[in-house]
């Protein structure tokens, strides 16, 4: 199958704020144009153009606990004059580490 994807640009903005020595919070937004032409589109997260992200890190003792959430805003793609689909994304990432 030939997807005929085109080049994509992505613009991202984010901020990190150290609340205490053991807590850091983060937030961001990114926009990337849809690289999938309508005529070859399928239900894939690549069609989502806008994402909002939030997260935090905890540093109790030697631990490093990271939590992040990504929300891909709903995106509607028309695959033909009479057919379209909508797609949105939710992703949660959790990481745990320990330094000794």
Protein backbone atom coordinates (compact mmCIF):
# COMPACT_ATOMS: atom_id res chain seq x y z
CA UNK A 1 0.00 0.00 0.00
CA UNK A 2 1.31 3.44 -0.92
CA UNK A 3 0.47 6.02 1.73
CA UNK A 4 1.70 9.10 -0.18
CA UNK A 5 2.40 10.91 3.10
CA UNK A 6 3.70 14.45 2.84
CA UNK A 7 6.24 16.35 4.95
CA UNK A 8 5.08 17.44 8.37
CA UNK A 9 5.99 20.45 10.46
CA UNK A 10 5.52 20.53 14.24
CA UNK A 11 5.39 23.58 16.50
CA UNK A 12 5.63 22.87 20.23
CA UNK A 13 5.49 25.08 23.32
CA UNK A 14 5.97 23.91 26.87
CA UNK A 15 6.78 25.03 30.38
CA UNK A 16 8.33 23.38 33.42
CA UNK A 17 7.99 24.70 36.94
CA UNK A 18 9.89 23.46 39.99
CA UNK A 19 7.32 23.73 42.80
CA UNK A 20 9.65 22.28 45.45
CA UNK A 21 12.91 20.32 45.53
CA UNK A 22 10.87 17.13 45.14
CA UNK A 23 8.07 18.23 42.75
CA UNK A 24 8.26 19.48 39.15
CA UNK A 25 5.15 20.13 37.01
CA UNK A 26 4.99 20.45 33.24
CA UNK A 27 2.48 21.51 30.59
CA UNK A 28 2.64 21.91 26.85
CA UNK A 29 0.89 22.16 23.52
CA UNK A 30 1.97 21.10 20.06
CA UNK A 31 0.56 21.42 16.57
CA UNK A 32 1.70 19.35 13.62
CA UNK A 33 0.00 19.35 10.25
CA UNK A 34 -1.63 16.09 9.19
CA UNK A 35 0.87 14.30 6.87
CA UNK A 36 -1.72 11.80 5.60
CA UNK A 37 -3.58 12.82 2.42
CA UNK A 38 -7.37 12.40 2.67
CA UNK A 39 -7.43 9.90 -0.19
CA UNK A 40 -5.11 7.50 1.69
CA UNK A 41 -6.32 8.26 5.22
CA UNK A 42 -7.06 5.54 7.71
CA UNK A 43 -7.83 5.58 11.43
CA UNK A 44 -4.36 6.36 12.74
CA UNK A 45 -3.09 8.76 15.43
CA UNK A 46 -0.92 10.49 12.81
CA UNK A 47 -3.95 12.47 11.59
CA UNK A 48 -4.31 14.31 14.93
CA UNK A 49 -2.90 17.82 14.59
CA UNK A 50 -3.15 19.26 18.13
CA UNK A 51 -1.98 17.79 21.44
CA UNK A 52 -2.18 19.10 25.00
CA UNK A 53 0.26 17.61 27.51
CA UNK A 54 0.57 17.75 31.30
CA UNK A 55 2.79 15.92 33.72
CA UNK A 56 4.78 15.94 36.89
CA UNK A 57 7.86 14.42 38.47
CA UNK A 58 8.32 13.47 42.11
CA UNK A 59 11.75 13.03 43.72
CA UNK A 60 11.25 11.51 47.18
CA UNK A 61 14.59 10.22 48.51
CA UNK A 62 16.43 8.45 45.71
CA UNK A 63 13.24 7.82 43.74
CA UNK A 64 12.27 9.45 40.44
CA UNK A 65 8.56 9.10 39.62
CA UNK A 66 7.34 10.61 36.36
CA UNK A 67 3.73 10.84 35.15
CA UNK A 68 2.64 12.33 31.81
CA UNK A 69 -0.72 12.62 30.04
CA UNK A 70 -1.24 13.48 26.37
CA UNK A 71 -4.61 14.45 24.91
CA UNK A 72 -4.89 14.53 21.14
CA UNK A 73 -7.77 16.86 20.33
CA UNK A 74 -10.48 15.37 18.09
CA UNK A 75 -9.67 15.45 14.39
CA UNK A 76 -12.16 14.71 11.60
CA UNK A 77 -10.79 13.41 8.31
CA UNK A 78 -12.87 13.13 5.14
CA UNK A 79 -11.89 10.06 3.11
CA UNK A 80 -14.43 10.66 0.33
CA UNK A 81 -17.32 13.05 -0.34
CA UNK A 82 -19.67 10.78 1.61
CA UNK A 83 -17.31 9.26 4.20
CA UNK A 84 -15.28 10.58 7.12
CA UNK A 85 -14.05 9.53 10.54
CA UNK A 86 -13.14 11.30 13.77
CA UNK A 87 -10.19 10.37 15.94
CA UNK A 88 -8.90 11.54 19.32
CA UNK A 89 -6.08 10.29 21.48
CA UNK A 90 -5.49 9.70 25.19
CA UNK A 91 -2.10 8.48 26.41
CA UNK A 92 -0.71 8.03 29.91
CA UNK A 93 2.94 7.34 30.66
CA UNK A 94 4.38 6.43 34.05
CA UNK A 95 8.04 5.94 34.81
CA UNK A 96 9.74 4.94 38.06
CA UNK A 97 13.45 4.91 38.80
CA UNK A 98 15.72 4.70 41.80
CA UNK A 99 19.26 6.06 42.18
CA UNK A 100 21.65 4.36 44.57
